[in-house]
Amino acid sequence: MAYLFISGCFFFLGVACLLAARVGHRGEVCDRSVGYDVPAEVKADPALRKRANSLVAFWAGGAAALSFAPLVPLGVVILSDGGKAISTWGLVGFALYGMAVVVMGAYPFEKIKHLAADSER
């Protein structure tokens, strides 16, 4: 049952990252109704808008790809009907991997907050 929960977490993380990457790819990150809350300086400058869109598309897309990867070994364990198991250290590895994917998916949104300040320098 725990393996199903872990698989579901990675699956939904991947879907969320795919949706964020789609918004970035379509160039709608600065559109408040579709995208995200970004600073006014980023909304006003076309170069910063383009940079924000490309950041979200790249990093969220990468995070989505990385979040679907653990589904393969987890699927093997789930489909073995109890014949295989993941060790405690393997579960710790999945947790650390999941945290790294979340950080990777959140990076562009933190970077966007600092785009306006970085462009003024």
N, C-alpha and C. Protein backbone atom coordinates (compact mmCIF):
# COMPACT_ATOMS: atom_id res chain seq x y z
N MET A 1 0.82 -1.20 0.00
CA MET A 1 0.00 0.00 0.00
C MET A 1 0.86 1.26 0.00
N ALA A 2 1.97 1.21 0.72
CA ALA A 2 2.86 2.37 0.77
C ALA A 2 3.46 2.65 -0.59
N TYR A 3 3.74 1.58 -1.36
CA TYR A 3 4.32 1.79 -2.69
C TYR A 3 3.32 2.47 -3.62
N LEU A 4 2.05 2.18 -3.46
CA LEU A 4 1.03 2.87 -4.26
C LEU A 4 0.97 4.34 -3.91
N PHE A 5 1.10 4.64 -2.62
CA PHE A 5 1.08 6.04 -2.19
C PHE A 5 2.28 6.79 -2.75
N ILE A 6 3.46 6.19 -2.67
CA ILE A 6 4.67 6.84 -3.19
C ILE A 6 4.55 7.02 -4.70
N SER A 7 4.05 6.02 -5.39
CA SER A 7 3.85 6.14 -6.84
C SER A 7 2.88 7.25 -7.18
N GLY A 8 1.79 7.33 -6.42
CA GLY A 8 0.82 8.40 -6.64
C GLY A 8 1.40 9.78 -6.41
N CYS A 9 2.23 9.91 -5.40
CA CYS A 9 2.88 11.20 -5.13
C CYS A 9 3.77 11.61 -6.30
N PHE A 10 4.60 10.70 -6.79
CA PHE A 10 5.46 11.02 -7.91
C PHE A 10 4.65 11.29 -9.18
N PHE A 11 3.56 10.54 -9.38
CA PHE A 11 2.72 10.76 -10.55
C PHE A 11 2.08 12.15 -10.52
N PHE A 12 1.49 12.51 -9.38
CA PHE A 12 0.83 13.82 -9.30
C PHE A 12 1.83 14.97 -9.32
N LEU A 13 3.02 14.76 -8.79
CA LEU A 13 4.07 15.75 -8.91
C LEU A 13 4.45 15.95 -10.37
N GLY A 14 4.54 14.86 -11.10
CA GLY A 14 4.84 14.95 -12.53
C GLY A 14 3.76 15.67 -13.30
N VAL A 15 2.51 15.40 -13.00
CA VAL A 15 1.40 16.08 -13.68
C VAL A 15 1.41 17.57 -13.37
N ALA A 16 1.63 17.93 -12.11
CA ALA A 16 1.68 19.35 -11.73
C ALA A 16 2.82 20.06 -12.45
N CYS A 17 3.97 19.41 -12.52
CA CYS A 17 5.11 20.02 -13.22
C CYS A 17 4.85 20.13 -14.72
N LEU A 18 4.18 19.13 -15.28
CA LEU A 18 3.83 19.21 -16.70
C LEU A 18 2.89 20.37 -16.99
N LEU A 19 1.93 20.59 -16.11
CA LEU A 19 1.02 21.71 -16.30
C LEU A 19 1.74 23.05 -16.19
N ALA A 20 2.68 23.15 -15.25
CA ALA A 20 3.47 24.38 -15.13
C ALA A 20 4.34 24.59 -16.36
N ALA A 21 4.95 23.53 -16.85
CA ALA A 21 5.79 23.64 -18.05
C ALA A 21 4.95 24.04 -19.26
N ARG A 22 3.73 23.55 -19.33
CA ARG A 22 2.83 23.92 -20.43
C ARG A 22 2.52 25.41 -20.41
N VAL A 23 2.28 25.95 -19.23
CA VAL A 23 2.01 27.38 -19.10
C VAL A 23 3.23 28.18 -19.54
N GLY A 24 4.42 27.74 -19.15
CA GLY A 24 5.64 28.43 -19.57
C GLY A 24 5.88 28.32 -21.05
N HIS A 25 5.61 27.14 -21.61
CA HIS A 25 5.82 26.94 -23.05
C HIS A 25 4.86 27.80 -23.88
N ARG A 26 3.66 27.98 -23.40
CA ARG A 26 2.68 28.79 -24.11
C ARG A 26 2.88 30.29 -23.90
N GLY A 27 3.79 30.67 -23.01
CA GLY A 27 4.08 32.07 -22.77
C GLY A 27 3.05 32.78 -21.91
N GLU A 28 2.43 32.05 -20.99
CA GLU A 28 1.36 32.61 -20.17
C GLU A 28 1.72 32.72 -18.69
N VAL A 29 3.01 32.69 -18.37
CA VAL A 29 3.42 32.75 -16.96
C VAL A 29 3.00 34.07 -16.33
N CYS A 30 3.08 35.16 -17.07
CA CYS A 30 2.76 36.48 -16.51
C CYS A 30 1.28 36.83 -16.59
N ASP A 31 0.50 36.00 -17.23
CA ASP A 31 -0.95 36.21 -17.31
C ASP A 31 -1.56 35.72 -16.01
N ARG A 32 -2.06 36.62 -15.21
CA ARG A 32 -2.55 36.30 -13.86
C ARG A 32 -3.70 35.28 -13.88
N SER A 33 -4.55 35.32 -14.88
CA SER A 33 -5.69 34.41 -14.90
C SER A 33 -5.28 32.98 -15.25
N VAL A 34 -4.19 32.82 -15.97
CA VAL A 34 -3.74 31.49 -16.37
C VAL A 34 -2.45 31.11 -15.68
N GLY A 35 -1.55 32.09 -15.53
CA GLY A 35 -0.21 31.82 -15.03
C GLY A 35 -0.08 32.00 -13.54
N TYR A 36 0.93 32.76 -13.16
CA TYR A 36 1.30 32.87 -11.76
C TYR A 36 1.46 34.34 -11.39
N ASP A 37 1.54 34.61 -10.11
CA ASP A 37 1.73 35.96 -9.61
C ASP A 37 3.21 36.31 -9.75
N VAL A 38 3.51 37.28 -10.63
CA VAL A 38 4.89 37.69 -10.85
C VAL A 38 5.00 39.18 -10.56
N PRO A 39 6.20 39.69 -10.26
CA PRO A 39 6.37 41.12 -9.99
C PRO A 39 5.97 41.97 -11.19
N ALA A 40 5.55 43.19 -10.91
CA ALA A 40 5.09 44.10 -11.96
C ALA A 40 6.20 44.42 -12.95
N GLU A 41 7.45 44.48 -12.49
CA GLU A 41 8.57 44.78 -13.40
C GLU A 41 8.73 43.69 -14.44
N VAL A 42 8.50 42.46 -14.06
CA VAL A 42 8.61 41.34 -14.99
C VAL A 42 7.46 41.39 -16.00
N LYS A 43 6.26 41.74 -15.54
CA LYS A 43 5.12 41.85 -16.45
C LYS A 43 5.32 42.96 -17.47
N ALA A 44 5.97 44.06 -17.07
CA ALA A 44 6.09 45.23 -17.94
C ALA A 44 7.19 45.07 -18.99
N ASP A 45 8.24 44.33 -18.71
CA ASP A 45 9.36 44.21 -19.62
C ASP A 45 9.23 42.94 -20.48
N PRO A 46 9.17 43.08 -21.81
CA PRO A 46 9.02 41.90 -22.67
C PRO A 46 10.19 40.91 -22.55
N ALA A 47 11.40 41.41 -22.35
CA ALA A 47 12.55 40.51 -22.22
C ALA A 47 12.45 39.70 -20.94
N LEU A 48 12.03 40.34 -19.85
CA LEU A 48 11.87 39.61 -18.59
C LEU A 48 10.71 38.63 -18.65
N ARG A 49 9.64 39.00 -19.36
CA ARG A 49 8.52 38.07 -19.55
C ARG A 49 8.98 36.82 -20.29
N LYS A 50 9.76 37.04 -21.36
CA LYS A 50 10.26 35.91 -22.14
C LYS A 50 11.17 35.04 -21.28
N ARG A 51 12.01 35.67 -20.48
CA ARG A 51 12.91 34.92 -19.60
C ARG A 51 12.12 34.13 -18.56
N ALA A 52 11.07 34.73 -18.00
CA ALA A 52 10.23 34.03 -17.01
C ALA A 52 9.56 32.82 -17.64
N ASN A 53 9.04 32.98 -18.85
CA ASN A 53 8.39 31.86 -19.53
C ASN A 53 9.37 30.74 -19.82
N SER A 54 10.57 31.09 -20.28
CA SER A 54 11.54 30.05 -20.60
C SER A 54 12.05 29.36 -19.33
N LEU A 55 12.20 30.10 -18.24
CA LEU A 55 12.61 29.48 -16.98
C LEU A 55 11.60 28.43 -16.52
N VAL A 56 10.34 28.81 -16.54
CA VAL A 56 9.30 27.88 -16.08
C VAL A 56 9.20 26.68 -17.02
N ALA A 57 9.25 26.92 -18.32
CA ALA A 57 9.13 25.81 -19.27
C ALA A 57 10.29 24.82 -19.10
N PHE A 58 11.50 25.33 -18.96
CA PHE A 58 12.68 24.46 -18.87
C PHE A 58 12.72 23.70 -17.55
N TRP A 59 12.65 24.41 -16.44
CA TRP A 59 12.84 23.77 -15.14
C TRP A 59 11.64 22.90 -14.76
N ALA A 60 10.43 23.35 -15.04
CA ALA A 60 9.26 22.53 -14.72
C ALA A 60 9.19 21.31 -15.63
N GLY A 61 9.59 21.46 -16.88
CA GLY A 61 9.63 20.31 -17.79
C GLY A 61 10.65 19.27 -17.33
N GLY A 62 11.80 19.74 -16.90
CA GLY A 62 12.81 18.81 -16.37
C GLY A 62 12.35 18.12 -15.11
N ALA A 63 11.70 18.87 -14.24
CA ALA A 63 11.18 18.27 -13.01
C ALA A 63 10.10 17.25 -13.31
N ALA A 64 9.29 17.51 -14.33
CA ALA A 64 8.25 16.54 -14.70
C ALA A 64 8.88 15.24 -15.20
N ALA A 65 9.89 15.37 -16.05
CA ALA A 65 10.55 14.18 -16.57
C ALA A 65 11.19 13.38 -15.43
N LEU A 66 11.83 14.07 -14.51
CA LEU A 66 12.47 13.38 -13.39
C LEU A 66 11.47 12.78 -12.42
N SER A 67 10.29 13.36 -12.31
CA SER A 67 9.32 12.82 -11.37
C SER A 67 8.64 11.55 -11.89
N PHE A 68 8.63 11.36 -13.20
CA PHE A 68 8.04 10.13 -13.73
C PHE A 68 9.02 8.95 -13.71
N ALA A 69 10.31 9.23 -13.59
CA ALA A 69 11.32 8.16 -13.62
C ALA A 69 11.16 7.13 -12.48
N PRO A 70 10.87 7.52 -11.25
CA PRO A 70 10.74 6.51 -10.19
C PRO A 70 9.53 5.59 -10.35
N LEU A 71 8.63 5.91 -11.25
CA LEU A 71 7.46 5.05 -11.44
C LEU A 71 7.84 3.69 -12.00
N VAL A 72 8.97 3.62 -12.70
CA VAL A 72 9.39 2.34 -13.26
C VAL A 72 9.80 1.35 -12.16
N PRO A 73 10.76 1.69 -11.29
CA PRO A 73 11.09 0.70 -10.25
C PRO A 73 9.94 0.48 -9.26
N LEU A 74 9.17 1.51 -8.98
CA LEU A 74 8.03 1.31 -8.10
C LEU A 74 6.98 0.41 -8.74
N GLY A 75 6.80 0.56 -10.04
CA GLY A 75 5.86 -0.30 -10.75
C GLY A 75 6.29 -1.75 -10.74
N VAL A 76 7.59 -1.99 -10.86
CA VAL A 76 8.10 -3.37 -10.79
C VAL A 76 7.80 -3.98 -9.43
N VAL A 77 7.99 -3.21 -8.38
CA VAL A 77 7.71 -3.72 -7.04
C VAL A 77 6.22 -3.96 -6.84
N ILE A 78 5.40 -3.03 -7.32
CA ILE A 78 3.95 -3.17 -7.16
C ILE A 78 3.43 -4.38 -7.93
N LEU A 79 3.92 -4.57 -9.15
CA LEU A 79 3.44 -5.67 -9.99
C LEU A 79 3.99 -7.04 -9.58
N SER A 80 4.96 -7.07 -8.68
CA SER A 80 5.52 -8.35 -8.26
C SER A 80 4.65 -9.06 -7.22
N ASP A 81 3.59 -8.44 -6.78
CA ASP A 81 2.66 -9.03 -5.80
C ASP A 81 3.37 -9.49 -4.52
N GLY A 82 4.21 -8.63 -3.99
CA GLY A 82 4.87 -8.95 -2.74
C GLY A 82 6.15 -9.73 -2.89
N GLY A 83 6.54 -10.06 -4.10
CA GLY A 83 7.77 -10.82 -4.32
C GLY A 83 9.01 -9.97 -4.17
N LYS A 84 8.87 -8.67 -4.30
CA LYS A 84 10.00 -7.76 -4.18
C LYS A 84 9.65 -6.67 -3.19
N ALA A 85 10.68 -6.05 -2.64
CA ALA A 85 10.46 -4.95 -1.70
C ALA A 85 11.60 -3.95 -1.86
N ILE A 86 11.37 -2.77 -1.36
CA ILE A 86 12.39 -1.72 -1.37
C ILE A 86 12.90 -1.58 0.05
N SER A 87 14.22 -1.53 0.18
CA SER A 87 14.82 -1.42 1.51
C SER A 87 14.55 -0.05 2.12
N THR A 88 14.86 0.08 3.38
CA THR A 88 14.69 1.36 4.07
C THR A 88 15.55 2.43 3.42
N TRP A 89 16.79 2.06 3.06
CA TRP A 89 17.66 3.03 2.40
C TRP A 89 17.14 3.40 1.02
N GLY A 90 16.48 2.48 0.36
CA GLY A 90 15.84 2.78 -0.92
C GLY A 90 14.71 3.79 -0.76
N LEU A 91 13.93 3.63 0.31
CA LEU A 91 12.85 4.57 0.59
C LEU A 91 13.40 5.95 0.95
N VAL A 92 14.51 5.97 1.69
CA VAL A 92 15.17 7.25 2.00
C VAL A 92 15.66 7.90 0.71
N GLY A 93 16.19 7.08 -0.18
CA GLY A 93 16.62 7.59 -1.49
C GLY A 93 15.47 8.18 -2.28
N PHE A 94 14.33 7.51 -2.28
CA PHE A 94 13.14 8.05 -2.96
C PHE A 94 12.71 9.38 -2.34
N ALA A 95 12.78 9.49 -1.03
CA ALA A 95 12.40 10.73 -0.36
C ALA A 95 13.34 11.87 -0.73
N LEU A 96 14.63 11.60 -0.72
CA LEU A 96 15.60 12.63 -1.10
C LEU A 96 15.46 13.01 -2.57
N TYR A 97 15.22 12.03 -3.41
CA TYR A 97 15.01 12.27 -4.83
C TYR A 97 13.76 13.14 -5.04
N GLY A 98 12.70 12.82 -4.32
CA GLY A 98 11.48 13.61 -4.42
C GLY A 98 11.68 15.05 -3.98
N MET A 99 12.46 15.24 -2.92
CA MET A 99 12.75 16.60 -2.46
C MET A 99 13.55 17.35 -3.51
N ALA A 100 14.50 16.69 -4.17
CA ALA A 100 15.30 17.33 -5.21
C ALA A 100 14.41 17.73 -6.40
N VAL A 101 13.47 16.89 -6.75
CA VAL A 101 12.57 17.21 -7.86
C VAL A 101 11.68 18.40 -7.50
N VAL A 102 11.20 18.45 -6.28
CA VAL A 102 10.37 19.58 -5.84
C VAL A 102 11.17 20.87 -5.87
N VAL A 103 12.41 20.82 -5.40
CA VAL A 103 13.26 22.02 -5.44
C VAL A 103 13.50 22.45 -6.87
N MET A 104 13.73 21.50 -7.75
CA MET A 104 13.95 21.82 -9.16
C MET A 104 12.70 22.44 -9.79
N GLY A 105 11.53 21.96 -9.42
CA GLY A 105 10.29 22.52 -9.94
C GLY A 105 9.97 23.89 -9.37
N ALA A 106 10.42 24.17 -8.15
CA ALA A 106 10.14 25.46 -7.51
C ALA A 106 11.17 26.53 -7.86
N TYR A 107 12.33 26.12 -8.37
CA TYR A 107 13.40 27.08 -8.67
C TYR A 107 12.97 28.22 -9.57
N PRO A 108 12.29 27.98 -10.70
CA PRO A 108 11.99 29.11 -11.58
C PRO A 108 11.08 30.15 -10.93
N PHE A 109 10.21 29.73 -10.05
CA PHE A 109 9.29 30.67 -9.41
C PHE A 109 10.03 31.57 -8.42
N GLU A 110 11.04 31.02 -7.76
CA GLU A 110 11.87 31.86 -6.89
C GLU A 110 12.77 32.77 -7.72
N LYS A 111 13.26 32.26 -8.84
CA LYS A 111 14.13 33.07 -9.71
C LYS A 111 13.36 34.23 -10.32
N ILE A 112 12.10 34.03 -10.67
CA ILE A 112 11.28 35.09 -11.26
C ILE A 112 11.13 36.26 -10.29
N LYS A 113 11.03 35.96 -9.01
CA LYS A 113 10.91 37.03 -8.01
C LYS A 113 12.12 37.95 -8.01
N HIS A 114 13.27 37.40 -8.42
CA HIS A 114 14.51 38.18 -8.39
C HIS A 114 14.92 38.69 -9.77
N LEU A 115 14.15 38.41 -10.81
CA LEU A 115 14.51 38.86 -12.15
C LEU A 115 14.59 40.37 -12.27
N ALA A 116 13.62 41.05 -11.70
CA ALA A 116 13.59 42.51 -11.80
C ALA A 116 14.80 43.12 -11.09
N ALA A 117 15.14 42.62 -9.93
CA ALA A 117 16.28 43.15 -9.20
C ALA A 117 17.59 42.85 -9.92
N ASP A 118 17.68 41.68 -10.55
CA ASP A 118 18.90 41.32 -11.28
C ASP A 118 19.06 42.15 -12.55
N SER A 119 17.97 42.54 -13.19
CA SER A 119 18.06 43.31 -14.43
C SER A 119 18.45 44.77 -14.17
N GLU A 120 18.20 45.27 -12.97
CA GLU A 120 18.54 46.66 -12.65
C GLU A 120 20.02 46.83 -12.38
N ARG A 121 20.72 45.77 -12.09
CA ARG A 121 22.15 45.88 -11.75
C ARG A 121 22.99 46.03 -12.97
